[in-house]
C-alpha atoms as a PDB file:
ATOM      1  CA  UNK A   1      53.510 280.151  40.768  1.00  0.00           C
ATOM      2  CA  UNK A   2      52.704 280.474  44.476  1.00  0.00           C
ATOM      3  CA  UNK A   3      49.297 279.342  45.648  1.00  0.00           C
ATOM      4  CA  UNK A   4      46.650 282.097  45.749  1.00  0.00           C
ATOM      5  CA  UNK A   5      46.411 283.992  49.032  1.00  0.00           C
ATOM      6  CA  UNK A   6      43.029 283.343  50.581  1.00  0.00           C
ATOM      7  CA  UNK A   7      41.192 283.423  53.880  1.00  0.00           C
ATOM      8  CA  UNK A   8      38.194 281.390  55.037  1.00  0.00           C
ATOM      9  CA  UNK A   9      35.159 282.424  53.044  1.00  0.00           C
ATOM     10  CA  UNK A  10      32.442 280.828  50.924  1.00  0.00           C
ATOM     11  CA  UNK A  11      32.728 277.111  50.312  1.00  0.00           C
ATOM     12  CA  UNK A  12      34.209 276.073  46.982  1.00  0.00           C
ATOM     13  CA  UNK A  13      37.249 277.162  44.999  1.00  0.00           C
ATOM     14  CA  UNK A  14      38.174 280.835  45.012  1.00  0.00           C
ATOM     15  CA  UNK A  15      38.921 282.386  41.619  1.00  0.00           C
ATOM     16  CA  UNK A  16      42.288 284.204  41.550  1.00  0.00           C
ATOM     17  CA  UNK A  17      42.479 287.710  40.114  1.00  0.00           C
ATOM     18  CA  UNK A  18      44.988 288.498  37.384  1.00  0.00           C
ATOM     19  CA  UNK A  19      48.515 289.645  38.216  1.00  0.00           C
ATOM     20  CA  UNK A  20      49.254 293.351  37.953  1.00  0.00           C
ATOM     21  CA  UNK A  21      45.790 294.713  38.717  1.00  0.00           C
ATOM     22  CA  UNK A  22      46.350 297.739  40.963  1.00  0.00           C
ATOM     23  CA  UNK A  23      44.158 300.321  42.677  1.00  0.00           C
ATOM     24  CA  UNK A  24      44.658 303.367  44.888  1.00  0.00           C
ATOM     25  CA  UNK A  25      42.300 304.289  47.741  1.00  0.00           C
ATOM     26  CA  UNK A  26      42.147 307.503  49.806  1.00  0.00           C
ATOM     27  CA  UNK A  27      40.086 307.616  52.993  1.00  0.00           C
ATOM     28  CA  UNK A  28      39.611 310.510  55.442  1.00  0.00           C
ATOM     29  CA  UNK A  29      40.040 310.741  59.194  1.00  0.00           C
ATOM     30  CA  UNK A  30      36.804 311.027  61.129  1.00  0.00           C
ATOM     31  CA  UNK A  31      35.583 312.392  64.425  1.00  0.00           C
ATOM     32  CA  UNK A  32      32.677 310.512  65.992  1.00  0.00           C
ATOM     33  CA  UNK A  33      29.999 311.515  68.497  1.00  0.00           C
ATOM     34  CA  UNK A  34      30.550 315.315  68.214  1.00  0.00           C
ATOM     35  CA  UNK A  35      29.406 315.532  71.808  1.00  0.00           C
ATOM     36  CA  UNK A  36      25.739 314.486  72.098  1.00  0.00           C
ATOM     37  CA  UNK A  37      25.535 312.283  68.980  1.00  0.00           C
ATOM     38  CA  UNK A  38      26.994 309.228  70.706  1.00  0.00           C
ATOM     39  CA  UNK A  39      27.596 306.283  68.326  1.00  0.00           C
ATOM     40  CA  UNK A  40      25.554 308.035  65.613  1.00  0.00           C
ATOM     41  CA  UNK A  41      27.075 311.370  64.517  1.00  0.00           C
ATOM     42  CA  UNK A  42      30.345 311.666  62.631  1.00  0.00           C
ATOM     43  CA  UNK A  43      32.373 314.203  60.686  1.00  0.00           C
ATOM     44  CA  UNK A  44      34.987 313.549  57.980  1.00  0.00           C
ATOM     45  CA  UNK A  45      38.176 315.608  58.225  1.00  0.00           C
ATOM     46  CA  UNK A  46      40.540 316.594  55.425  1.00  0.00           C
ATOM     47  CA  UNK A  47      43.321 314.342  56.726  1.00  0.00           C
ATOM     48  CA  UNK A  48      43.577 311.309  54.454  1.00  0.00           C
ATOM     49  CA  UNK A  49      45.386 307.987  54.424  1.00  0.00           C
ATOM     50  CA  UNK A  50      46.297 306.488  51.053  1.00  0.00           C
ATOM     51  CA  UNK A  51      46.562 302.801  50.183  1.00  0.00           C
ATOM     52  CA  UNK A  52      47.901 301.260  46.986  1.00  0.00           C
ATOM     53  CA  UNK A  53      47.028 297.594  46.442  1.00  0.00           C
ATOM     54  CA  UNK A  54      48.421 295.473  43.603  1.00  0.00           C
ATOM     55  CA  UNK A  55      47.886 291.816  42.789  1.00  0.00           C
ATOM     56  CA  UNK A  56      51.376 290.329  43.113  1.00  0.00           C
ATOM     57  CA  UNK A  57      53.050 286.988  42.313  1.00  0.00           C
ATOM     58  CA  UNK A  58      52.914 285.455  45.789  1.00  0.00           C
ATOM     59  CA  UNK A  59      52.701 286.235  49.495  1.00  0.00           C
ATOM     60  CA  UNK A  60      51.486 289.349  51.258  1.00  0.00           C
ATOM     61  CA  UNK A  61      53.920 292.248  51.479  1.00  0.00           C
ATOM     62  CA  UNK A  62      52.961 295.481  53.243  1.00  0.00           C
ATOM     63  CA  UNK A  63      55.001 298.672  53.341  1.00  0.00           C
ATOM     64  CA  UNK A  64      53.852 301.228  55.910  1.00  0.00           C
ATOM     65  CA  UNK A  65      54.847 304.891  55.709  1.00  0.00           C
ATOM     66  CA  UNK A  66      53.997 307.521  58.304  1.00  0.00           C
ATOM     67  CA  UNK A  67      52.070 306.695  61.472  1.00  0.00           C
ATOM     68  CA  UNK A  68      52.665 303.150  62.690  1.00  0.00           C
ATOM     69  CA  UNK A  69      55.555 302.502  60.311  1.00  0.00           C
ATOM     70  CA  UNK A  70      57.722 301.014  63.057  1.00  0.00           C
ATOM     71  CA  UNK A  71      55.001 299.042  64.837  1.00  0.00           C
ATOM     72  CA  UNK A  72      52.427 297.695  62.386  1.00  0.00           C
ATOM     73  CA  UNK A  73      52.754 294.217  60.828  1.00  0.00           C
ATOM     74  CA  UNK A  74      54.023 294.008  57.269  1.00  0.00           C
ATOM     75  CA  UNK A  75      52.296 290.775  56.278  1.00  0.00           C
ATOM     76  CA  UNK A  76      48.766 289.381  56.135  1.00  0.00           C
ATOM     77  CA  UNK A  77      48.134 290.374  59.759  1.00  0.00           C
ATOM     78  CA  UNK A  78      48.005 294.041  58.768  1.00  0.00           C
ATOM     79  CA  UNK A  79      44.414 295.256  59.188  1.00  0.00           C
ATOM     80  CA  UNK A  80      44.035 296.671  55.666  1.00  0.00           C
ATOM     81  CA  UNK A  81      45.448 293.504  54.094  1.00  0.00           C
ATOM     82  CA  UNK A  82      43.339 291.209  56.274  1.00  0.00           C
ATOM     83  CA  UNK A  83      40.095 293.055  55.509  1.00  0.00           C
ATOM     84  CA  UNK A  84      40.928 293.233  51.795  1.00  0.00           C
ATOM     85  CA  UNK A  85      41.537 289.475  51.560  1.00  0.00           C
ATOM     86  CA  UNK A  86      38.426 288.661  53.582  1.00  0.00           C
ATOM     87  CA  UNK A  87      36.283 290.838  51.327  1.00  0.00           C
ATOM     88  CA  UNK A  88      37.692 289.195  48.186  1.00  0.00           C
ATOM     89  CA  UNK A  89      37.039 285.740  49.647  1.00  0.00           C
ATOM     90  CA  UNK A  90      33.495 286.702  50.619  1.00  0.00           C
ATOM     91  CA  UNK A  91      32.904 287.466  46.936  1.00  0.00           C
ATOM     92  CA  UNK A  92      34.486 284.211  45.761  1.00  0.00           C
ATOM     93  CA  UNK A  93      37.899 285.535  44.729  1.00  0.00           C
ATOM     94  CA  UNK A  94      41.517 285.420  45.870  1.00  0.00           C
ATOM     95  CA  UNK A  95      44.858 286.813  44.713  1.00  0.00           C
ATOM     96  CA  UNK A  96      48.110 285.004  43.874  1.00  0.00           C
ATOM     97  CA  UNK A  97      49.800 287.553  46.161  1.00  0.00           C
ATOM     98  CA  UNK A  98      49.292 291.069  47.433  1.00  0.00           C
ATOM     99  CA  UNK A  99      51.596 294.089  47.452  1.00  0.00           C
ATOM    100  CA  UNK A 100      50.253 296.836  49.695  1.00  0.00           C
ATOM    101  CA  UNK A 101      51.622 300.318  50.385  1.00  0.00           C
ATOM    102  CA  UNK A 102      49.953 302.218  53.247  1.00  0.00           C
ATOM    103  CA  UNK A 103      50.747 305.917  53.594  1.00  0.00           C
ATOM    104  CA  UNK A 104      49.363 306.786  57.018  1.00  0.00           C
ATOM    105  CA  UNK A 105      48.587 310.400  57.856  1.00  0.00           C
ATOM    106  CA  UNK A 106      45.839 309.762  60.428  1.00  0.00           C
ATOM    107  CA  UNK A 107      47.288 309.447  63.971  1.00  0.00           C
ATOM    108  CA  UNK A 108      46.612 306.092  65.614  1.00  0.00           C
ATOM    109  CA  UNK A 109      44.877 305.680  68.965  1.00  0.00           C
ATOM    110  CA  UNK A 110      43.873 309.342  69.162  1.00  0.00           C
ATOM    111  CA  UNK A 111      40.116 309.224  68.485  1.00  0.00           C
ATOM    112  CA  UNK A 112      40.340 310.137  64.799  1.00  0.00           C
ATOM    113  CA  UNK A 113      38.906 306.942  63.351  1.00  0.00           C
ATOM    114  CA  UNK A 114      42.165 305.340  62.217  1.00  0.00           C
ATOM    115  CA  UNK A 115      40.857 301.778  62.604  1.00  0.00           C
ATOM    116  CA  UNK A 116      37.590 302.554  60.822  1.00  0.00           C
ATOM    117  CA  UNK A 117      39.523 304.272  58.029  1.00  0.00           C
ATOM    118  CA  UNK A 118      41.779 301.220  57.672  1.00  0.00           C
ATOM    119  CA  UNK A 119      38.767 298.907  57.477  1.00  0.00           C
ATOM    120  CA  UNK A 120      37.046 301.123  54.910  1.00  0.00           C
ATOM    121  CA  UNK A 121      40.304 301.299  52.926  1.00  0.00           C
ATOM    122  CA  UNK A 122      40.644 297.511  52.871  1.00  0.00           C
ATOM    123  CA  UNK A 123      37.042 297.025  51.801  1.00  0.00           C
ATOM    124  CA  UNK A 124      37.251 299.760  49.163  1.00  0.00           C
ATOM    125  CA  UNK A 125      40.498 298.341  47.754  1.00  0.00           C
ATOM    126  CA  UNK A 126      38.905 294.906  47.449  1.00  0.00           C
ATOM    127  CA  UNK A 127      35.804 296.234  45.683  1.00  0.00           C
ATOM    128  CA  UNK A 128      37.988 298.395  43.423  1.00  0.00           C
ATOM    129  CA  UNK A 129      40.153 295.387  42.473  1.00  0.00           C
ATOM    130  CA  UNK A 130      37.038 293.371  41.640  1.00  0.00           C
ATOM    131  CA  UNK A 131      35.656 296.203  39.547  1.00  0.00           C
ATOM    132  CA  UNK A 132      38.999 296.774  37.795  1.00  0.00           C
ATOM    133  CA  UNK A 133      39.174 293.074  36.949  1.00  0.00           C
ATOM    134  CA  UNK A 134      35.677 293.268  35.475  1.00  0.00           C
ATOM    135  CA  UNK A 135      34.344 290.461  37.656  1.00  0.00           C
ATOM    136  CA  UNK A 136      31.693 292.508  39.476  1.00  0.00           C
ATOM    137  CA  UNK A 137      29.368 295.189  38.225  1.00  0.00           C
ATOM    138  CA  UNK A 138      28.033 297.629  40.785  1.00  0.00           C
ATOM    139  CA  UNK A 139      27.371 301.340  40.977  1.00  0.00           C
ATOM    140  CA  UNK A 140      29.368 303.627  43.241  1.00  0.00           C
ATOM    141  CA  UNK A 141      26.279 303.887  45.444  1.00  0.00           C
ATOM    142  CA  UNK A 142      26.097 300.100  45.775  1.00  0.00           C
ATOM    143  CA  UNK A 143      29.814 299.946  46.593  1.00  0.00           C
ATOM    144  CA  UNK A 144      29.481 302.599  49.293  1.00  0.00           C
ATOM    145  CA  UNK A 145      26.512 300.854  50.855  1.00  0.00           C
ATOM    146  CA  UNK A 146      28.487 297.626  51.070  1.00  0.00           C
ATOM    147  CA  UNK A 147      31.439 299.475  52.598  1.00  0.00           C
ATOM    148  CA  UNK A 148      29.165 301.001  55.222  1.00  0.00           C
ATOM    149  CA  UNK A 149      27.491 297.709  56.100  1.00  0.00           C
ATOM    150  CA  UNK A 150      30.675 295.650  56.251  1.00  0.00           C
ATOM    151  CA  UNK A 151      32.720 298.233  58.130  1.00  0.00           C
ATOM    152  CA  UNK A 152      29.922 298.608  60.695  1.00  0.00           C
ATOM    153  CA  UNK A 153      29.853 294.835  61.155  1.00  0.00           C
ATOM    154  CA  UNK A 154      33.551 294.912  61.962  1.00  0.00           C
ATOM    155  CA  UNK A 155      33.518 298.095  64.076  1.00  0.00           C
ATOM    156  CA  UNK A 156      30.269 297.411  65.948  1.00  0.00           C
ATOM    157  CA  UNK A 157      28.796 300.873  65.305  1.00  0.00           C
ATOM    158  CA  UNK A 158      28.615 303.147  62.238  1.00  0.00           C
ATOM    159  CA  UNK A 159      29.597 306.555  63.643  1.00  0.00           C
ATOM    160  CA  UNK A 160      33.135 306.540  62.171  1.00  0.00           C
ATOM    161  CA  UNK A 161      32.372 304.342  59.189  1.00  0.00           C
ATOM    162  CA  UNK A 162      29.647 306.582  57.740  1.00  0.00           C
ATOM    163  CA  UNK A 163      31.728 309.767  57.360  1.00  0.00           C
ATOM    164  CA  UNK A 164      34.733 307.739  56.175  1.00  0.00           C
ATOM    165  CA  UNK A 165      32.558 306.261  53.420  1.00  0.00           C
ATOM    166  CA  UNK A 166      30.403 309.264  52.506  1.00  0.00           C
ATOM    167  CA  UNK A 167      32.294 312.316  53.761  1.00  0.00           C
ATOM    168  CA  UNK A 168      30.814 315.382  55.430  1.00  0.00           C
ATOM    169  CA  UNK A 169      28.562 315.353  58.488  1.00  0.00           C
ATOM    170  CA  UNK A 170      26.703 312.071  58.802  1.00  0.00           C
ATOM    171  CA  UNK A 171      24.028 310.545  60.998  1.00  0.00           C
ATOM    172  CA  UNK A 172      24.069 306.751  60.909  1.00  0.00           C
ATOM    173  CA  UNK A 173      21.917 304.018  62.384  1.00  0.00           C
ATOM    174  CA  UNK A 174      21.499 300.263  62.114  1.00  0.00           C
ATOM    175  CA  UNK A 175      18.613 297.827  62.423  1.00  0.00           C
ATOM    176  CA  UNK A 176      18.681 294.384  63.946  1.00  0.00           C
ATOM    177  CA  UNK A 177      18.770 292.837  67.387  1.00  0.00           C
ATOM    178  CA  UNK A 178      22.559 292.434  67.400  1.00  0.00           C
ATOM    179  CA  UNK A 179      24.250 295.805  66.762  1.00  0.00           C
ATOM    180  CA  UNK A 180      27.528 294.080  65.886  1.00  0.00           C
ATOM    181  CA  UNK A 181      25.804 292.168  63.074  1.00  0.00           C
ATOM    182  CA  UNK A 182      23.113 294.573  61.869  1.00  0.00           C
ATOM    183  CA  UNK A 183      20.516 293.516  59.340  1.00  0.00           C
ATOM    184  CA  UNK A 184      20.802 296.903  57.642  1.00  0.00           C
ATOM    185  CA  UNK A 185      22.899 300.027  58.127  1.00  0.00           C
ATOM    186  CA  UNK A 186      21.780 303.434  56.900  1.00  0.00           C
ATOM    187  CA  UNK A 187      23.155 306.940  56.982  1.00  0.00           C
ATOM    188  CA  UNK A 188      22.375 310.433  55.801  1.00  0.00           C
ATOM    189  CA  UNK A 189      24.891 313.105  54.893  1.00  0.00           C
ATOM    190  CA  UNK A 190      23.942 316.674  55.728  1.00  0.00           C
ATOM    191  CA  UNK A 191      25.568 319.879  54.457  1.00  0.00           C
ATOM    192  CA  UNK A 192      27.869 321.637  56.919  1.00  0.00           C
ATOM    193  CA  UNK A 193      27.545 325.412  57.210  1.00  0.00           C
ATOM    194  CA  UNK A 194      30.382 326.947  55.136  1.00  0.00           C
ATOM    195  CA  UNK A 195      31.662 328.992  58.100  1.00  0.00           C
ATOM    196  CA  UNK A 196      32.289 325.948  60.311  1.00  0.00           C
ATOM    197  CA  UNK A 197      35.906 324.910  60.841  1.00  0.00           C
ATOM    198  CA  UNK A 198      36.997 321.661  62.473  1.00  0.00           C
ATOM    199  CA  UNK A 199      40.065 322.203  64.662  1.00  0.00           C
ATOM    200  CA  UNK A 200      41.660 319.050  66.068  1.00  0.00           C
ATOM    201  CA  UNK A 201      43.943 319.123  69.103  1.00  0.00           C
ATOM    202  CA  UNK A 202      46.049 315.952  69.130  1.00  0.00           C
ATOM    203  CA  UNK A 203      48.134 314.875  72.157  1.00  0.00           C
ATOM    204  CA  UNK A 204      51.221 312.679  72.098  1.00  0.00           C
ATOM    205  CA  UNK A 205      49.618 309.929  74.178  1.00  0.00           C
ATOM    206  CA  UNK A 206      47.285 307.258  72.810  1.00  0.00           C
ATOM    207  CA  UNK A 207      44.128 305.802  74.333  1.00  0.00           C
ATOM    208  CA  UNK A 208      42.607 302.462  73.367  1.00  0.00           C
ATOM    209  CA  UNK A 209      38.924 302.683  72.463  1.00  0.00           C
ATOM    210  CA  UNK A 210      38.267 299.545  74.512  1.00  0.00           C
ATOM    211  CA  UNK A 211      39.614 301.248  77.634  1.00  0.00           C
ATOM    212  CA  UNK A 212      37.497 304.356  77.043  1.00  0.00           C
ATOM    213  CA  UNK A 213      34.349 302.271  76.506  1.00  0.00           C
ATOM    214  CA  UNK A 214      34.980 300.274  79.664  1.00  0.00           C
ATOM    215  CA  UNK A 215      34.441 303.449  81.689  1.00  0.00           C
ATOM    216  CA  UNK A 216      30.880 303.983  80.474  1.00  0.00           C
ATOM    217  CA  UNK A 217      28.098 303.126  82.948  1.00  0.00           C
ATOM    218  CA  UNK A 218      25.456 300.538  82.092  1.00  0.00           C
ATOM    219  CA  UNK A 219      22.637 303.019  82.829  1.00  0.00           C
ATOM    220  CA  UNK A 220      22.255 306.802  82.862  1.00  0.00           C
ATOM    221  CA  UNK A 221      19.732 309.097  84.584  1.00  0.00           C
ATOM    222  CA  UNK A 222      16.649 309.928  82.554  1.00  0.00           C
ATOM    223  CA  UNK A 223      17.328 313.663  82.853  1.00  0.00           C
ATOM    224  CA  UNK A 224      20.828 313.241  81.385  1.00  0.00           C
ATOM    225  CA  UNK A 225      19.479 311.200  78.483  1.00  0.00           C
ATOM    226  CA  UNK A 226      16.755 313.773  77.820  1.00  0.00           C
ATOM    227  CA  UNK A 227      19.193 316.697  77.820  1.00  0.00           C
ATOM    228  CA  UNK A 228      21.593 314.883  75.500  1.00  0.00           C
ATOM    229  CA  UNK A 229      18.837 313.943  73.060  1.00  0.00           C
ATOM    230  CA  UNK A 230      17.715 317.554  72.882  1.00  0.00           C
ATOM    231  CA  UNK A 231      21.247 318.788  72.306  1.00  0.00           C
ATOM    232  CA  UNK A 232      21.743 316.221  69.534  1.00  0.00           C
ATOM    233  CA  UNK A 233      18.767 317.650  67.697  1.00  0.00           C
ATOM    234  CA  UNK A 234      20.083 321.167  68.210  1.00  0.00           C
ATOM    235  CA  UNK A 235      23.508 320.133  66.933  1.00  0.00           C
ATOM    236  CA  UNK A 236      22.042 319.139  63.570  1.00  0.00           C
ATOM    237  CA  UNK A 237      20.625 322.649  63.242  1.00  0.00           C
ATOM    238  CA  UNK A 238      23.809 324.325  64.503  1.00  0.00           C
ATOM    239  CA  UNK A 239      26.173 322.445  62.180  1.00  0.00           C
ATOM    240  CA  UNK A 240      24.037 322.919  59.104  1.00  0.00           C
ATOM    241  CA  UNK A 241      22.498 326.361  59.626  1.00  0.00           C
ATOM    242  CA  UNK A 242      23.432 328.194  62.848  1.00  0.00           C
ATOM    243  CA  UNK A 243      27.085 327.973  63.967  1.00  0.00           C
ATOM    244  CA  UNK A 244      26.418 330.510  66.741  1.00  0.00           C
ATOM    245  CA  UNK A 245      24.562 327.726  68.598  1.00  0.00           C
ATOM    246  CA  UNK A 246      27.424 325.210  68.530  1.00  0.00           C
ATOM    247  CA  UNK A 247      28.490 325.726  72.141  1.00  0.00           C
ATOM    248  CA  UNK A 248      25.047 324.881  73.544  1.00  0.00           C
ATOM    249  CA  UNK A 249      24.518 322.172  70.925  1.00  0.00           C
ATOM    250  CA  UNK A 250      27.647 320.219  71.904  1.00  0.00           C
ATOM    251  CA  UNK A 251      26.687 319.801  75.564  1.00  0.00           C
ATOM    252  CA  UNK A 252      26.119 316.189  76.636  1.00  0.00           C
ATOM    253  CA  UNK A 253      26.018 314.028  79.784  1.00  0.00           C
ATOM    254  CA  UNK A 254      26.454 310.467  78.522  1.00  0.00           C
ATOM    255  CA  UNK A 255      30.146 309.777  77.950  1.00  0.00           C
ATOM    256  CA  UNK A 256      32.707 312.595  78.199  1.00  0.00           C
ATOM    257  CA  UNK A 257      32.716 313.194  81.962  1.00  0.00           C
ATOM    258  CA  UNK A 258      32.610 309.436  82.521  1.00  0.00           C
ATOM    259  CA  UNK A 259      35.763 308.974  80.423  1.00  0.00           C
ATOM    260  CA  UNK A 260      37.639 311.944  81.875  1.00  0.00           C
ATOM    261  CA  UNK A 261      39.681 309.851  84.383  1.00  0.00           C
ATOM    262  CA  UNK A 262      41.362 308.095  81.438  1.00  0.00           C
ATOM    263  CA  UNK A 263      42.322 311.401  79.788  1.00  0.00           C
ATOM    264  CA  UNK A 264      42.708 314.165  82.382  1.00  0.00           C
ATOM    265  CA  UNK A 265      44.672 316.451  80.052  1.00  0.00           C
ATOM    266  CA  UNK A 266      41.865 316.271  77.502  1.00  0.00           C
ATOM    267  CA  UNK A 267      39.293 317.046  80.187  1.00  0.00           C
ATOM    268  CA  UNK A 268      41.287 320.123  81.228  1.00  0.00           C
ATOM    269  CA  UNK A 269      41.626 321.319  77.636  1.00  0.00           C
ATOM    270  CA  UNK A 270      37.883 320.904  77.043  1.00  0.00           C
ATOM    271  CA  UNK A 271      37.086 322.827  80.224  1.00  0.00           C
ATOM    272  CA  UNK A 272      39.352 325.728  79.213  1.00  0.00           C
ATOM    273  CA  UNK A 273      38.059 325.859  75.645  1.00  0.00           C
ATOM    274  CA  UNK A 274      34.399 325.726  76.658  1.00  0.00           C
ATOM    275  CA  UNK A 275      34.960 328.353  79.356  1.00  0.00           C
ATOM    276  CA  UNK A 276      36.138 330.594  76.513  1.00  0.00           C
ATOM    277  CA  UNK A 277      32.896 329.942  74.633  1.00  0.00           C
ATOM    278  CA  UNK A 278      34.348 327.442  72.150  1.00  0.00           C
ATOM    279  CA  UNK A 279      32.407 324.296  71.171  1.00  0.00           C
ATOM    280  CA  UNK A 280      34.970 321.670  72.189  1.00  0.00           C
ATOM    281  CA  UNK A 281      34.250 317.948  72.508  1.00  0.00           C
ATOM    282  CA  UNK A 282      36.195 314.719  72.824  1.00  0.00           C
ATOM    283  CA  UNK A 283      36.950 313.376  69.351  1.00  0.00           C
ATOM    284  CA  UNK A 284      35.563 309.856  69.254  1.00  0.00           C
ATOM    285  CA  UNK A 285      36.852 307.919  72.253  1.00  0.00           C
ATOM    286  CA  UNK A 286      39.696 310.429  72.686  1.00  0.00           C
ATOM    287  CA  UNK A 287      42.152 311.589  73.689  1.00  0.00           C
ATOM    288  CA  UNK A 288      42.084 314.173  70.875  1.00  0.00           C
ATOM    289  CA  UNK A 289      39.755 317.144  71.185  1.00  0.00           C
ATOM    290  CA  UNK A 290      37.614 318.528  68.374  1.00  0.00           C
ATOM    291  CA  UNK A 291      36.615 322.183  68.294  1.00  0.00           C
ATOM    292  CA  UNK A 292      33.775 323.213  66.004  1.00  0.00           C
ATOM    293  CA  UNK A 293      34.279 326.903  65.411  1.00  0.00           C
ATOM    294  CA  UNK A 294      34.737 329.613  62.790  1.00  0.00           C
ATOM    295  CA  UNK A 295      37.901 330.864  61.102  1.00  0.00           C
ATOM    296  CA  UNK A 296      38.282 333.989  63.230  1.00  0.00           C
ATOM    297  CA  UNK A 297      38.417 331.954  66.458  1.00  0.00           C
ATOM    298  CA  UNK A 298      41.032 329.407  65.352  1.00  0.00           C
ATOM    299  CA  UNK A 299      43.916 331.492  66.807  1.00  0.00           C
ATOM    300  CA  UNK A 300      42.102 331.422  70.159  1.00  0.00           C
ATOM    301  CA  UNK A 301      42.030 327.621  70.084  1.00  0.00           C
ATOM    302  CA  UNK A 302      45.748 327.579  69.295  1.00  0.00           C
ATOM    303  CA  UNK A 303      46.481 329.987  72.154  1.00  0.00           C
ATOM    304  CA  UNK A 304      44.560 327.989  74.772  1.00  0.00           C
ATOM    305  CA  UNK A 305      46.112 324.695  73.666  1.00  0.00           C
ATOM    306  CA  UNK A 306      49.535 326.351  73.646  1.00  0.00           C
ATOM    307  CA  UNK A 307      49.176 327.541  77.244  1.00  0.00           C
ATOM    308  CA  UNK A 308      48.549 323.975  78.398  1.00  0.00           C
ATOM    309  CA  UNK A 309      51.308 322.602  76.159  1.00  0.00           C
ATOM    310  CA  UNK A 310      51.700 319.180  74.574  1.00  0.00           C
ATOM    311  CA  UNK A 311      49.065 319.576  71.864  1.00  0.00           C
ATOM    312  CA  UNK A 312      49.368 319.584  68.068  1.00  0.00           C
ATOM    313  CA  UNK A 313      46.635 321.806  66.642  1.00  0.00           C
ATOM    314  CA  UNK A 314      45.346 321.068  63.143  1.00  0.00           C
ATOM    315  CA  UNK A 315      42.898 323.440  61.483  1.00  0.00           C
ATOM    316  CA  UNK A 316      41.133 321.189  59.001  1.00  0.00           C
ATOM    317  CA  UNK A 317      38.245 321.779  56.628  1.00  0.00           C
ATOM    318  CA  UNK A 318      35.473 319.224  56.473  1.00  0.00           C
ATOM    319  CA  UNK A 319      36.204 316.486  53.916  1.00  0.00           C
ATOM    320  CA  UNK A 320      33.113 316.224  51.726  1.00  0.00           C
ATOM    321  CA  UNK A 321      33.919 313.349  49.328  1.00  0.00           C
ATOM    322  CA  UNK A 322      34.492 310.352  51.589  1.00  0.00           C
ATOM    323  CA  UNK A 323      36.531 307.371  50.438  1.00  0.00           C
ATOM    324  CA  UNK A 324      37.794 307.556  46.854  1.00  0.00           C
ATOM    325  CA  UNK A 325      39.253 304.818  44.664  1.00  0.00           C
ATOM    326  CA  UNK A 326      40.803 304.550  41.220  1.00  0.00           C
ATOM    327  CA  UNK A 327      42.623 302.053  39.049  1.00  0.00           C
ATOM    328  CA  UNK A 328      46.364 302.674  39.017  1.00  0.00           C
END
């Protein structure tokens, strides 16, 4: 038999899991920031990736279907596989081998949380394998808290991780001097008003989050910070109770205008949508746009995006369950 697949982790011998144990994980796309809620607010969208992980006889084999199928690695370098193996090792376990099937529906590099979803999927698959093997006992709540903490440690901020883990509209925050290694990570999930629709406009081009973040200034004017903080508070009310206030509530001055040079087509689309009275924001770091609206105005979003051309418009309900896992 091949040697167990392992990565650096706790000192001592790692205990291999039994062959044939298999789990399936589904994790939603997410949109972070929502305008004024920079690095804190997030929304889960009903657009889900699925991962099947099985303990195999030796080596790491990854099959990718959908987005990234021609470009992503098919061995232990794959993000889901790497995170899964690291999480097993951190708990004192390994696998003889790993067979992974990733069915990718979430577009990559478009501001829809694909990397956070992959990290959450890897962590969830690892915890599900440990639970299926009967070697750990934890409640679903304990599992989700670990997923949130560990995914935030890898991502550096919890805005995408929280809705991927919990679903719905989330506000997340961390404590500790180093935000990339927080002492604790917390989040709350709030109910979204039933009339709110999340319409995503996705362009063909990608934009690296690192490039978008590099455009942000080190300091901002006090007046801009004050306006954005006020709008963030209003957005909580608008999303949960008063959709008519969404246009005002999604105004901000901290990051979207600053990033516009990297995504001029997105900036133009946002300007046209907002001029029509639609609550449009950059989805995460972009270049996708998110429109928070109601069902009767979805055709208007499609019309405006169609005039500009080059946009795929997806009318998606909010995904309320977050990451799900089961033994296969």
